[in-house]
Each structure stands twice: as structure tokens, then as C-alpha cells.
Protein backbone atom coordinates (compact mmCIF):
# COMPACT_ATOMS: atom_id res chain seq x y z
CA GLN A 1 -10.12 -217.63 86.26
CA LYS A 2 -12.49 -220.76 85.69
CA TYR A 3 -15.18 -219.44 83.11
CA LYS A 4 -15.23 -217.18 80.36
CA LEU A 5 -17.39 -214.42 81.27
CA THR A 6 -18.40 -214.44 78.19
CA ALA A 7 -19.51 -218.27 78.14
CA LEU A 8 -21.37 -217.76 81.16
CA LEU A 9 -22.78 -215.16 79.53
CA GLU A 10 -24.28 -216.06 77.29
CA LEU A 11 -24.94 -219.45 79.48
CA ALA A 12 -27.70 -216.89 81.51
CA GLU A 13 -28.80 -215.05 78.41
CA ILE A 14 -27.49 -211.56 79.90
CA PRO A 15 -26.34 -209.31 76.98
CA ARG A 16 -22.68 -207.74 78.43
CA SER A 17 -23.46 -204.10 78.57
CA THR A 18 -26.45 -205.37 80.88
CA TYR A 19 -23.56 -206.89 82.93
CA TYR A 20 -21.47 -203.99 82.63
CA TYR A 21 -23.28 -201.86 84.04
CA TYR A 22 -25.01 -204.17 87.41
CA LEU A 23 -20.85 -204.33 87.63
CA ASN A 24 -21.33 -200.78 87.33
CA GLN A 25 -23.93 -200.01 89.42
CA LEU A 26 -22.50 -201.85 92.76
CA ASN A 27 -19.04 -200.14 92.40
CA LYS A 28 -20.99 -196.45 92.65
CA LYS A 29 -20.92 -194.68 95.84
CA ASP A 30 -23.97 -194.09 97.87
CA LYS A 31 -25.10 -190.18 97.47
CA TYR A 32 -26.67 -190.15 100.46
CA LYS A 33 -23.77 -191.54 102.86
CA ASP A 34 -22.67 -188.75 103.66
CA ILE A 35 -26.12 -187.59 104.81
CA LYS A 36 -26.85 -191.10 106.67
CA GLU A 37 -23.44 -190.78 108.98
CA GLU A 38 -23.31 -187.01 109.07
CA ARG A 39 -19.93 -187.02 108.23
CA PHE A 40 -19.65 -184.45 105.81
CA GLU A 41 -17.57 -182.82 103.23
CA LYS A 42 -16.31 -179.33 103.22
CA VAL A 43 -16.28 -179.19 99.07
CA TYR A 44 -19.16 -180.86 97.05
CA LEU A 45 -20.38 -180.47 93.67
CA LEU A 46 -23.78 -181.52 91.96
CA TYR A 47 -24.22 -181.23 88.42
CA GLY A 48 -25.65 -182.76 85.24
CA GLU A 49 -29.23 -182.49 83.47
CA GLU A 50 -31.44 -183.93 85.84
CA ALA A 51 -32.37 -180.90 87.15
CA TYR A 52 -35.30 -182.25 89.71
CA LEU A 53 -32.33 -184.56 91.35
CA ARG A 54 -29.75 -181.86 91.48
CA ASN A 55 -32.25 -179.90 93.37
CA GLN A 56 -33.88 -182.52 95.60
CA TYR A 57 -29.98 -183.56 96.74
CA LYS A 58 -28.81 -180.16 97.40
CA ASN A 59 -31.77 -179.81 99.55
CA LYS A 60 -31.32 -182.58 101.22
CA LEU A 61 -28.05 -181.97 102.06
CA ALA A 62 -28.58 -178.57 102.96
CA ARG A 63 -31.56 -179.22 105.21
CA ALA A 64 -28.46 -182.34 106.91
CA LEU A 65 -26.44 -179.60 107.15
CA GLY A 66 -27.74 -176.74 108.77
CA ASP A 67 -30.73 -175.14 108.35
CA PRO A 68 -31.08 -173.32 105.00
CA LYS A 69 -33.89 -170.32 106.79
CA ASP A 70 -30.71 -169.00 108.88
CA ARG A 71 -29.69 -166.42 106.62
CA MET A 72 -26.30 -165.90 109.05
CA ASN A 73 -24.41 -169.46 108.16
CA PHE A 74 -26.79 -170.60 104.60
CA CYS A 75 -26.08 -168.02 102.09
CA ILE A 76 -27.24 -169.31 98.16
CA TYR A 77 -25.67 -167.47 94.90
CA GLU A 78 -27.14 -167.44 91.50
CA GLY A 79 -25.87 -166.13 88.46
CA LYS A 80 -22.86 -164.38 86.78
CA LYS A 81 -22.18 -161.32 88.70
CA ILE A 82 -20.32 -162.88 91.50
CA ARG A 83 -17.08 -163.14 92.13
CA GLN A 84 -14.06 -165.66 92.86
CA GLY A 85 -12.89 -162.93 95.99
CA GLU A 86 -16.27 -162.34 97.27
CA LEU A 87 -17.32 -166.10 97.18
CA ILE A 88 -13.45 -166.86 99.33
CA ASP A 89 -14.05 -164.09 101.53
CA LEU A 90 -17.36 -165.49 102.45
CA ALA A 91 -15.98 -169.13 103.16
CA GLU A 92 -13.53 -168.02 105.35
CA THR A 93 -16.47 -166.10 107.39
CA VAL A 94 -16.70 -168.00 110.95
CA PRO A 95 -20.33 -168.51 111.52
CA PHE A 96 -21.97 -166.92 113.68
CA LEU A 97 -24.03 -169.27 116.92
CA ALA A 98 -24.02 -171.79 114.39
CA ALA A 99 -20.83 -175.07 113.57
CA ARG A 100 -20.92 -173.87 110.40
CA ARG A 101 -21.36 -171.80 107.64
CA ILE A 102 -22.97 -173.35 104.62
CA VAL A 103 -22.41 -171.94 100.61
CA VAL A 104 -24.38 -172.83 97.92
CA GLU A 105 -23.78 -171.48 94.98
CA ASN A 106 -24.90 -171.72 91.11
CA SER A 107 -22.63 -169.36 88.96
CA GLY A 108 -20.72 -171.57 85.97
CA PHE A 109 -17.78 -171.18 87.99
CA PHE A 110 -17.14 -174.63 86.72
CA LYS A 111 -16.63 -173.70 82.49
CA THR A 112 -14.35 -170.84 83.26
CA SER A 113 -10.99 -170.27 84.24
CA SER A 114 -11.67 -169.50 88.89
CA GLU A 115 -7.90 -170.30 89.38
CA ALA A 116 -8.42 -168.67 92.90
CA LEU A 117 -11.80 -170.15 94.11
CA ALA A 118 -9.59 -174.06 92.40
CA ASP A 119 -6.21 -173.25 94.92
CA TYR A 120 -9.87 -172.22 97.73
CA VAL A 121 -11.24 -175.76 97.61
CA LYS A 122 -8.50 -177.32 98.96
CA ASN A 123 -8.23 -175.98 102.16
CA VAL A 124 -11.49 -174.62 102.89
CA ALA A 125 -11.93 -173.85 105.93
CA ASP A 126 -13.05 -176.42 108.60
CA THR A 127 -16.56 -174.72 109.73
CA THR A 128 -17.18 -173.81 106.31
CA VAL A 129 -19.82 -176.31 103.74
CA LEU A 130 -19.20 -175.55 99.79
CA ILE A 131 -22.13 -177.03 97.89
CA PHE A 132 -21.46 -176.07 94.38
CA VAL A 133 -24.55 -177.19 91.71
CA GLU A 134 -24.02 -176.55 87.92
CA GLU A 135 -25.22 -178.34 85.19
CA GLU A 136 -22.65 -178.03 82.96
CA VAL A 137 -19.06 -179.25 83.49
CA ASP A 138 -15.86 -178.78 82.74
CA LYS A 139 -14.04 -182.22 83.28
CA ARG A 140 -10.61 -181.06 82.06
CA GLY A 141 -10.66 -178.37 84.30
CA LYS A 142 -8.52 -177.40 87.57
CA MET A 143 -12.23 -176.58 89.17
CA TYR A 144 -13.71 -179.87 88.74
CA LYS A 145 -10.36 -181.52 89.90
CA ALA A 146 -9.75 -179.74 92.86
CA VAL A 147 -13.01 -180.13 94.35
CA LYS A 148 -13.07 -184.30 92.95
CA GLY A 149 -9.79 -184.54 95.49
CA ALA A 150 -11.13 -182.25 97.96
CA GLY A 151 -14.56 -183.32 98.49
CA SER A 152 -18.08 -185.20 96.74
CA VAL A 153 -18.81 -185.31 93.51
CA THR A 154 -21.74 -186.04 91.61
CA GLU A 155 -23.72 -186.31 88.66
CA PHE A 156 -27.14 -186.44 88.30
CA MET A 157 -27.35 -187.58 84.58
CA LYS A 158 -30.92 -187.49 82.59
CA GLN A 159 -32.95 -190.55 83.80
CA ASN A 160 -34.66 -192.83 81.31
CA GLU A 161 -37.95 -194.36 80.72
CA ASN A 162 -37.49 -197.31 82.93
CA THR A 163 -36.01 -195.49 85.53
CA LEU A 164 -38.61 -192.95 85.66
CA LYS A 165 -41.23 -195.17 85.88
CA LYS A 166 -40.18 -197.28 88.51
CA TRP A 167 -39.04 -193.87 90.42
CA VAL A 168 -42.95 -193.37 90.09
CA LEU A 169 -43.82 -196.67 90.87
CA GLY A 170 -42.35 -196.80 94.06
CA MET A 171 -43.15 -193.18 95.31
CA LEU A 172 -47.10 -194.27 94.74
CA SER A 173 -47.05 -197.17 97.19
CA ARG A 174 -45.02 -195.04 99.64
CA GLU A 175 -47.64 -192.67 99.78
CA GLY A 176 -50.44 -195.59 99.76
């Protein structure tokens, strides 16, 4: 290293936090890469405070995987009354006249102990894609660690005012 980082940041008049923010942005995985390349994981966890972005990504992912109107192979579970065994049984069912079965789940399995489901997530059937959509997750939990090891985890954080302004301006410029 020829020059110290602090000297370079001072010369460029860039705050240290800004430097690390952009460095972190460069290292982030493109969440749309799977959709663009049509190479999908078997398990996805979409979580975070930003409900709009979370749902928008869930919908894009679901459309890329198959037809969301296909009720034989596209299943959505919401609510607290879903049992782990029921979800596993559905995921193990072979898709009917389709390449894959898509299961979207939003019931809070990431806040509670879900041993059976955490074990299953490590060996999901090749014909199944599980999409978990949660507002909050326990990153210390077995479910989170299982999905992170076996698939894709994407956090949708609350957007700040500047990001929202850029997003709105981008949408307006695309619309003309």
C-alpha cells in the first residue's frame, strides 16, 4: 500500500462512511442475477422492513419461475396455521405438467423453532422452489442458517429519502 486510506479520503474530501458504503455496494450480490440468467436456487428468503420492494421482487421471481395463475403448481401459504409437515409434503409433490412446483410461504417460520423444515430446506427436491417471505427473521436461528447455506437470502431494508427520490425520478423518466 503506497498511500494511506485516510490521506486519500481527505484529499478526495470523501467521508470515511461514504467510502465504506460504496465499497459495500460494490460487493453486494445482484438480486436480479438469477432472474436475468434464468438459473434459480431451490430456496429463497426475502425479508426486511420494505414491504413494497419485498413483494415486487417476490412477484418478479415468481413470474420468472412459472405462471402464478397455475394453481396446480404455484401455491401460496400465508398465516400462522400452516404446519411444517404440510409444507414439506407439498414441496415433495411432483409438479403436474410443469417443470417445477413453486411454494411461496409467509407464516413466521423464521421467528420460531422449525427443526423439520430447516432440515428439509437443505435437501429440497429438484422440481421445487421454496420462496419464504418474512418481515422479520432471527439470523441466529436454524431456519435462517439453513436457507443461507442452501439458497439465496435477500434483505429489503427501509429506503432513505434520497434513495426514494432517485427511484421516483427514475420511474418518471422511464414513463416519459
